[in-house]
Amino acid sequence: MIRGVRIREEASVPRYRAGRICQDLECDTVLSVYNSSAFCWQHEPPHRLVAAPAGRPRGDRALEEIGEGVWARSA
């Protein structure tokens, strides 16, 4: 038996209806319950990507530039 306390309910991964089929008319791929899209990976429409500023590490907003192209964690 494993004991523990569930921290919060919203921490679980969202799930979608089982048995969904890719929306492409010529595709019979069954989508994963974790796939939020209406398409499989092959038929997903292209997404517009937004480039990160040059030299700055992506995804870490806790960094600050301390020199030209040199980044460090904020205190």
PDB file of N, CA and C in Angstrom:
ATOM      1  N   MET A   1       0.838  -1.173   0.000  1.00  0.00           N
ATOM      2  CA  MET A   1       0.000   0.000   0.000  1.00  0.00           C
ATOM      3  C   MET A   1       0.885   1.239   0.000  1.00  0.00           C
ATOM      4  N   ILE A   2       0.553   2.195  -0.854  1.00  0.00           N
ATOM      5  CA  ILE A   2       1.305   3.438  -0.923  1.00  0.00           C
ATOM      6  C   ILE A   2       0.483   4.527  -0.253  1.00  0.00           C
ATOM      7  N   ARG A   3       1.112   5.215   0.654  1.00  0.00           N
ATOM      8  CA  ARG A   3       0.424   6.292   1.355  1.00  0.00           C
ATOM      9  C   ARG A   3       0.940   7.625   0.868  1.00  0.00           C
ATOM     10  N   GLY A   4       0.073   8.599   0.828  1.00  0.00           N
ATOM     11  CA  GLY A   4       0.470   9.937   0.417  1.00  0.00           C
ATOM     12  C   GLY A   4      -0.729  10.851   0.411  1.00  0.00           C
ATOM     13  N   VAL A   5      -0.467  12.085   0.230  1.00  0.00           N
ATOM     14  CA  VAL A   5      -1.510  13.089   0.200  1.00  0.00           C
ATOM     15  C   VAL A   5      -1.529  13.703  -1.199  1.00  0.00           C
ATOM     16  N   ARG A   6      -2.690  13.704  -1.811  1.00  0.00           N
ATOM     17  CA  ARG A   6      -2.819  14.340  -3.125  1.00  0.00           C
ATOM     18  C   ARG A   6      -2.730  15.848  -2.909  1.00  0.00           C
ATOM     19  N   ILE A   7      -1.787  16.477  -3.592  1.00  0.00           N
ATOM     20  CA  ILE A   7      -1.549  17.907  -3.405  1.00  0.00           C
ATOM     21  C   ILE A   7      -2.699  18.737  -3.957  1.00  0.00           C
ATOM     22  N   ARG A   8      -3.037  18.502  -5.234  1.00  0.00           N
ATOM     23  CA  ARG A   8      -4.146  19.235  -5.836  1.00  0.00           C
ATOM     24  C   ARG A   8      -4.667  18.461  -7.029  1.00  0.00           C
ATOM     25  N   GLU A   9      -5.938  18.565  -7.257  1.00  0.00           N
ATOM     26  CA  GLU A   9      -6.591  17.824  -8.331  1.00  0.00           C
ATOM     27  C   GLU A   9      -6.191  18.339  -9.712  1.00  0.00           C
ATOM     28  N   GLU A  10      -6.002  19.663  -9.877  1.00  0.00           N
ATOM     29  CA  GLU A  10      -5.719  20.222 -11.189  1.00  0.00           C
ATOM     30  C   GLU A  10      -4.312  19.904 -11.704  1.00  0.00           C
ATOM     31  N   ALA A  11      -3.491  19.241 -10.905  1.00  0.00           N
ATOM     32  CA  ALA A  11      -2.142  18.889 -11.334  1.00  0.00           C
ATOM     33  C   ALA A  11      -2.159  17.701 -12.304  1.00  0.00           C
ATOM     34  N   SER A  12      -3.277  17.010 -12.424  1.00  0.00           N
ATOM     35  CA  SER A  12      -3.325  15.868 -13.318  1.00  0.00           C
ATOM     36  C   SER A  12      -3.342  16.325 -14.779  1.00  0.00           C
ATOM     37  N   VAL A  13      -2.915  15.437 -15.662  1.00  0.00           N
ATOM     38  CA  VAL A  13      -2.834  15.739 -17.094  1.00  0.00           C
ATOM     39  C   VAL A  13      -4.230  15.702 -17.695  1.00  0.00           C
ATOM     40  N   PRO A  14      -4.599  16.713 -18.519  1.00  0.00           N
ATOM     41  CA  PRO A  14      -5.926  16.697 -19.126  1.00  0.00           C
ATOM     42  C   PRO A  14      -6.087  15.530 -20.108  1.00  0.00           C
ATOM     43  N   ARG A  15      -7.275  14.964 -20.141  1.00  0.00           N
ATOM     44  CA  ARG A  15      -7.588  13.873 -21.059  1.00  0.00           C
ATOM     45  C   ARG A  15      -8.762  14.274 -21.934  1.00  0.00           C
ATOM     46  N   TYR A  16      -8.790  13.708 -23.121  1.00  0.00           N
ATOM     47  CA  TYR A  16      -9.836  14.006 -24.092  1.00  0.00           C
ATOM     48  C   TYR A  16     -10.557  12.711 -24.440  1.00  0.00           C
ATOM     49  N   ARG A  17     -11.671  12.818 -25.124  1.00  0.00           N
ATOM     50  CA  ARG A  17     -12.524  11.670 -25.429  1.00  0.00           C
ATOM     51  C   ARG A  17     -11.737  10.572 -26.160  1.00  0.00           C
ATOM     52  N   ALA A  18     -11.889   9.356 -25.718  1.00  0.00           N
ATOM     53  CA  ALA A  18     -11.233   8.206 -26.355  1.00  0.00           C
ATOM     54  C   ALA A  18     -11.950   7.856 -27.660  1.00  0.00           C
ATOM     55  N   GLY A  19     -11.196   7.335 -28.625  1.00  0.00           N
ATOM     56  CA  GLY A  19     -11.779   6.882 -29.881  1.00  0.00           C
ATOM     57  C   GLY A  19     -11.914   7.949 -30.945  1.00  0.00           C
ATOM     58  N   ARG A  20     -11.368   9.143 -30.710  1.00  0.00           N
ATOM     59  CA  ARG A  20     -11.435  10.197 -31.725  1.00  0.00           C
ATOM     60  C   ARG A  20     -10.551   9.826 -32.908  1.00  0.00           C
ATOM     61  N   ILE A  21     -10.982  10.213 -34.112  1.00  0.00           N
ATOM     62  CA  ILE A  21     -10.252   9.949 -35.348  1.00  0.00           C
ATOM     63  C   ILE A  21      -9.742  11.280 -35.896  1.00  0.00           C
ATOM     64  N   CYS A  22      -8.567  11.248 -36.526  1.00  0.00           N
ATOM     65  CA  CYS A  22      -7.991  12.441 -37.152  1.00  0.00           C
ATOM     66  C   CYS A  22      -9.016  13.066 -38.101  1.00  0.00           C
ATOM     67  N   GLN A  23      -9.098  14.391 -38.104  1.00  0.00           N
ATOM     68  CA  GLN A  23     -10.073  15.112 -38.921  1.00  0.00           C
ATOM     69  C   GLN A  23      -9.748  15.120 -40.413  1.00  0.00           C
ATOM     70  N   ASP A  24      -8.529  14.727 -40.785  1.00  0.00           N
ATOM     71  CA  ASP A  24      -8.175  14.635 -42.198  1.00  0.00           C
ATOM     72  C   ASP A  24      -9.040  13.541 -42.832  1.00  0.00           C
ATOM     73  N   LEU A  25      -9.672  13.836 -43.954  1.00  0.00           N
ATOM     74  CA  LEU A  25     -10.634  12.925 -44.565  1.00  0.00           C
ATOM     75  C   LEU A  25     -10.037  11.596 -45.025  1.00  0.00           C
ATOM     76  N   GLU A  26      -8.741  11.578 -45.302  1.00  0.00           N
ATOM     77  CA  GLU A  26      -8.108  10.350 -45.780  1.00  0.00           C
ATOM     78  C   GLU A  26      -7.325   9.622 -44.696  1.00  0.00           C
ATOM     79  N   CYS A  27      -7.469  10.037 -43.450  1.00  0.00           N
ATOM     80  CA  CYS A  27      -6.692   9.462 -42.350  1.00  0.00           C
ATOM     81  C   CYS A  27      -7.613   8.725 -41.380  1.00  0.00           C
ATOM     82  N   ASP A  28      -7.191   7.550 -40.970  1.00  0.00           N
ATOM     83  CA  ASP A  28      -7.969   6.747 -40.016  1.00  0.00           C
ATOM     84  C   ASP A  28      -7.260   6.614 -38.667  1.00  0.00           C
ATOM     85  N   THR A  29      -6.291   7.475 -38.407  1.00  0.00           N
ATOM     86  CA  THR A  29      -5.525   7.395 -37.168  1.00  0.00           C
ATOM     87  C   THR A  29      -6.410   7.713 -35.966  1.00  0.00           C
ATOM     88  N   VAL A  30      -6.361   6.833 -34.962  1.00  0.00           N
ATOM     89  CA  VAL A  30      -7.084   7.065 -33.708  1.00  0.00           C
ATOM     90  C   VAL A  30      -6.182   7.928 -32.837  1.00  0.00           C
ATOM     91  N   LEU A  31      -6.711   9.046 -32.368  1.00  0.00           N
ATOM     92  CA  LEU A  31      -5.932   9.994 -31.577  1.00  0.00           C
ATOM     93  C   LEU A  31      -5.810   9.537 -30.127  1.00  0.00           C
ATOM     94  N   SER A  32      -4.699   9.898 -29.521  1.00  0.00           N
ATOM     95  CA  SER A  32      -4.468   9.613 -28.113  1.00  0.00           C
ATOM     96  C   SER A  32      -5.434  10.425 -27.253  1.00  0.00           C
ATOM     97  N   VAL A  33      -5.765   9.909 -26.089  1.00  0.00           N
ATOM     98  CA  VAL A  33      -6.623  10.663 -25.167  1.00  0.00           C
ATOM     99  C   VAL A  33      -5.893  11.888 -24.628  1.00  0.00           C
ATOM    100  N   TYR A  34      -4.573  11.961 -24.813  1.00  0.00           N
ATOM    101  CA  TYR A  34      -3.781  13.098 -24.348  1.00  0.00           C
ATOM    102  C   TYR A  34      -3.574  14.146 -25.446  1.00  0.00           C
ATOM    103  N   ASN A  35      -3.981  13.849 -26.681  1.00  0.00           N
ATOM    104  CA  ASN A  35      -3.825  14.769 -27.810  1.00  0.00           C
ATOM    105  C   ASN A  35      -5.002  15.749 -27.813  1.00  0.00           C
ATOM    106  N   SER A  36      -4.721  17.037 -27.605  1.00  0.00           N
ATOM    107  CA  SER A  36      -5.789  18.041 -27.561  1.00  0.00           C
ATOM    108  C   SER A  36      -6.226  18.471 -28.955  1.00  0.00           C
ATOM    109  N   SER A  37      -5.436  18.136 -29.962  1.00  0.00           N
ATOM    110  CA  SER A  37      -5.721  18.546 -31.334  1.00  0.00           C
ATOM    111  C   SER A  37      -6.766  17.634 -31.977  1.00  0.00           C
ATOM    112  N   ALA A  38      -7.381  18.102 -33.046  1.00  0.00           N
ATOM    113  CA  ALA A  38      -8.327  17.295 -33.814  1.00  0.00           C
ATOM    114  C   ALA A  38      -7.606  16.510 -34.910  1.00  0.00           C
ATOM    115  N   PHE A  39      -6.281  16.701 -35.031  1.00  0.00           N
ATOM    116  CA  PHE A  39      -5.502  16.051 -36.070  1.00  0.00           C
ATOM    117  C   PHE A  39      -4.380  15.218 -35.464  1.00  0.00           C
ATOM    118  N   CYS A  40      -3.917  14.210 -36.213  1.00  0.00           N
ATOM    119  CA  CYS A  40      -2.739  13.453 -35.812  1.00  0.00           C
ATOM    120  C   CYS A  40      -1.502  14.298 -36.117  1.00  0.00           C
ATOM    121  N   TRP A  41      -0.339  13.826 -35.738  1.00  0.00           N
ATOM    122  CA  TRP A  41       0.880  14.618 -35.924  1.00  0.00           C
ATOM    123  C   TRP A  41       1.173  14.886 -37.392  1.00  0.00           C
ATOM    124  N   GLN A  42       0.809  13.981 -38.282  1.00  0.00           N
ATOM    125  CA  GLN A  42       1.096  14.162 -39.703  1.00  0.00           C
ATOM    126  C   GLN A  42       0.210  15.226 -40.349  1.00  0.00           C
ATOM    127  N   HIS A  43      -1.000  15.383 -39.863  1.00  0.00           N
ATOM    128  CA  HIS A  43      -1.955  16.284 -40.511  1.00  0.00           C
ATOM    129  C   HIS A  43      -2.222  17.561 -39.729  1.00  0.00           C
ATOM    130  N   GLU A  44      -1.519  17.761 -38.635  1.00  0.00           N
ATOM    131  CA  GLU A  44      -1.660  18.980 -37.847  1.00  0.00           C
ATOM    132  C   GLU A  44      -1.246  20.170 -38.713  1.00  0.00           C
ATOM    133  N   PRO A  45      -2.079  21.201 -38.823  1.00  0.00           N
ATOM    134  CA  PRO A  45      -1.707  22.377 -39.622  1.00  0.00           C
ATOM    135  C   PRO A  45      -0.451  23.042 -39.040  1.00  0.00           C
ATOM    136  N   PRO A  46       0.362  23.684 -39.878  1.00  0.00           N
ATOM    137  CA  PRO A  46       1.569  24.347 -39.375  1.00  0.00           C
ATOM    138  C   PRO A  46       1.214  25.464 -38.399  1.00  0.00           C
ATOM    139  N   HIS A  47       2.050  25.611 -37.397  1.00  0.00           N
ATOM    140  CA  HIS A  47       1.863  26.662 -36.399  1.00  0.00           C
ATOM    141  C   HIS A  47       2.881  27.762 -36.652  1.00  0.00           C
ATOM    142  N   ARG A  48       2.486  28.968 -36.402  1.00  0.00           N
ATOM    143  CA  ARG A  48       3.400  30.100 -36.535  1.00  0.00           C
ATOM    144  C   ARG A  48       4.266  30.152 -35.278  1.00  0.00           C
ATOM    145  N   LEU A  49       5.556  30.089 -35.468  1.00  0.00           N
ATOM    146  CA  LEU A  49       6.476  30.116 -34.345  1.00  0.00           C
ATOM    147  C   LEU A  49       6.981  31.531 -34.116  1.00  0.00           C
ATOM    148  N   VAL A  50       7.123  31.894 -32.861  1.00  0.00           N
ATOM    149  CA  VAL A  50       7.654  33.197 -32.497  1.00  0.00           C
ATOM    150  C   VAL A  50       9.069  32.969 -31.977  1.00  0.00           C
ATOM    151  N   ALA A  51      10.031  33.588 -32.596  1.00  0.00           N
ATOM    152  CA  ALA A  51      11.431  33.396 -32.223  1.00  0.00           C
ATOM    153  C   ALA A  51      11.752  34.109 -30.916  1.00  0.00           C
ATOM    154  N   ALA A  52      12.593  33.474 -30.113  1.00  0.00           N
ATOM    155  CA  ALA A  52      13.077  34.097 -28.887  1.00  0.00           C
ATOM    156  C   ALA A  52      14.165  35.100 -29.256  1.00  0.00           C
ATOM    157  N   PRO A  53      14.371  36.139 -28.451  1.00  0.00           N
ATOM    158  CA  PRO A  53      15.445  37.087 -28.738  1.00  0.00           C
ATOM    159  C   PRO A  53      16.792  36.365 -28.809  1.00  0.00           C
ATOM    160  N   ALA A  54      17.647  36.780 -29.715  1.00  0.00           N
ATOM    161  CA  ALA A  54      18.943  36.135 -29.906  1.00  0.00           C
ATOM    162  C   ALA A  54      19.768  36.184 -28.630  1.00  0.00           C
ATOM    163  N   GLY A  55      20.393  35.080 -28.293  1.00  0.00           N
ATOM    164  CA  GLY A  55      21.291  35.026 -27.147  1.00  0.00           C
ATOM    165  C   GLY A  55      20.635  34.733 -25.822  1.00  0.00           C
ATOM    166  N   ARG A  56      19.337  34.901 -25.727  1.00  0.00           N
ATOM    167  CA  ARG A  56      18.679  34.659 -24.451  1.00  0.00           C
ATOM    168  C   ARG A  56      18.184  33.215 -24.378  1.00  0.00           C
ATOM    169  N   PRO A  57      18.488  32.519 -23.287  1.00  0.00           N
ATOM    170  CA  PRO A  57      17.986  31.156 -23.136  1.00  0.00           C
ATOM    171  C   PRO A  57      16.460  31.149 -23.114  1.00  0.00           C
ATOM    172  N   ARG A  58      15.864  30.181 -23.756  1.00  0.00           N
ATOM    173  CA  ARG A  58      14.402  30.117 -23.834  1.00  0.00           C
ATOM    174  C   ARG A  58      13.796  29.534 -22.565  1.00  0.00           C
ATOM    175  N   GLY A  59      12.608  29.983 -22.235  1.00  0.00           N
ATOM    176  CA  GLY A  59      11.809  29.370 -21.184  1.00  0.00           C
ATOM    177  C   GLY A  59      12.218  29.702 -19.765  1.00  0.00           C
ATOM    178  N   ASP A  60      13.280  30.410 -19.553  1.00  0.00           N
ATOM    179  CA  ASP A  60      13.683  30.716 -18.189  1.00  0.00           C
ATOM    180  C   ASP A  60      13.628  32.224 -17.982  1.00  0.00           C
ATOM    181  N   ARG A  61      12.550  32.689 -17.407  1.00  0.00           N
ATOM    182  CA  ARG A  61      12.370  34.121 -17.203  1.00  0.00           C
ATOM    183  C   ARG A  61      13.082  34.612 -15.944  1.00  0.00           C
ATOM    184  N   ALA A  62      13.671  33.689 -15.177  1.00  0.00           N
ATOM    185  CA  ALA A  62      14.357  34.078 -13.958  1.00  0.00           C
ATOM    186  C   ALA A  62      15.819  34.451 -14.228  1.00  0.00           C
ATOM    187  N   LEU A  63      16.189  34.575 -15.505  1.00  0.00           N
ATOM    188  CA  LEU A  63      17.554  34.948 -15.844  1.00  0.00           C
ATOM    189  C   LEU A  63      17.619  36.430 -16.202  1.00  0.00           C
ATOM    190  N   GLU A  64      18.770  37.026 -15.941  1.00  0.00           N
ATOM    191  CA  GLU A  64      18.982  38.405 -16.361  1.00  0.00           C
ATOM    192  C   GLU A  64      20.362  38.498 -17.011  1.00  0.00           C
ATOM    193  N   GLU A  65      20.491  39.400 -17.960  1.00  0.00           N
ATOM    194  CA  GLU A  65      21.746  39.554 -18.682  1.00  0.00           C
ATOM    195  C   GLU A  65      22.712  40.356 -17.822  1.00  0.00           C
ATOM    196  N   ILE A  66      23.857  39.759 -17.508  1.00  0.00           N
ATOM    197  CA  ILE A  66      24.851  40.449 -16.674  1.00  0.00           C
ATOM    198  C   ILE A  66      26.023  40.948 -17.521  1.00  0.00           C
ATOM    199  N   GLY A  67      26.075  40.560 -18.746  1.00  0.00           N
ATOM    200  CA  GLY A  67      27.097  41.007 -19.685  1.00  0.00           C
ATOM    201  C   GLY A  67      26.580  40.709 -21.077  1.00  0.00           C
ATOM    202  N   GLU A  68      27.284  41.130 -22.077  1.00  0.00           N
ATOM    203  CA  GLU A  68      26.807  40.901 -23.443  1.00  0.00           C
ATOM    204  C   GLU A  68      26.778  39.417 -23.747  1.00  0.00           C
ATOM    205  N   GLY A  69      25.579  38.855 -23.850  1.00  0.00           N
ATOM    206  CA  GLY A  69      25.407  37.430 -24.129  1.00  0.00           C
ATOM    207  C   GLY A  69      25.648  36.528 -22.936  1.00  0.00           C
ATOM    208  N   VAL A  70      25.830  37.105 -21.749  1.00  0.00           N
ATOM    209  CA  VAL A  70      26.065  36.309 -20.531  1.00  0.00           C
ATOM    210  C   VAL A  70      24.838  36.459 -19.632  1.00  0.00           C
ATOM    211  N   TRP A  71      24.247  35.319 -19.286  1.00  0.00           N
ATOM    212  CA  TRP A  71      23.020  35.323 -18.495  1.00  0.00           C
ATOM    213  C   TRP A  71      23.249  34.632 -17.166  1.00  0.00           C
ATOM    214  N   ALA A  72      22.597  35.131 -16.127  1.00  0.00           N
ATOM    215  CA  ALA A  72      22.706  34.542 -14.797  1.00  0.00           C
ATOM    216  C   ALA A  72      21.340  34.581 -14.125  1.00  0.00           C
ATOM    217  N   ARG A  73      21.156  33.727 -13.160  1.00  0.00           N
ATOM    218  CA  ARG A  73      19.904  33.706 -12.416  1.00  0.00           C
ATOM    219  C   ARG A  73      19.750  34.969 -11.582  1.00  0.00           C
ATOM    220  N   SER A  74      18.529  35.481 -11.532  1.00  0.00           N
ATOM    221  CA  SER A  74      18.245  36.650 -10.707  1.00  0.00           C
ATOM    222  C   SER A  74      18.307  36.267  -9.247  1.00  0.00           C
ATOM    223  N   ALA A  75      18.705  37.189  -8.422  1.00  0.00           N
ATOM    224  CA  ALA A  75      18.811  36.909  -6.982  1.00  0.00           C
ATOM    225  C   ALA A  75      17.472  36.956  -6.315  1.00  0.00           C
TER     226      ALA A  75
END
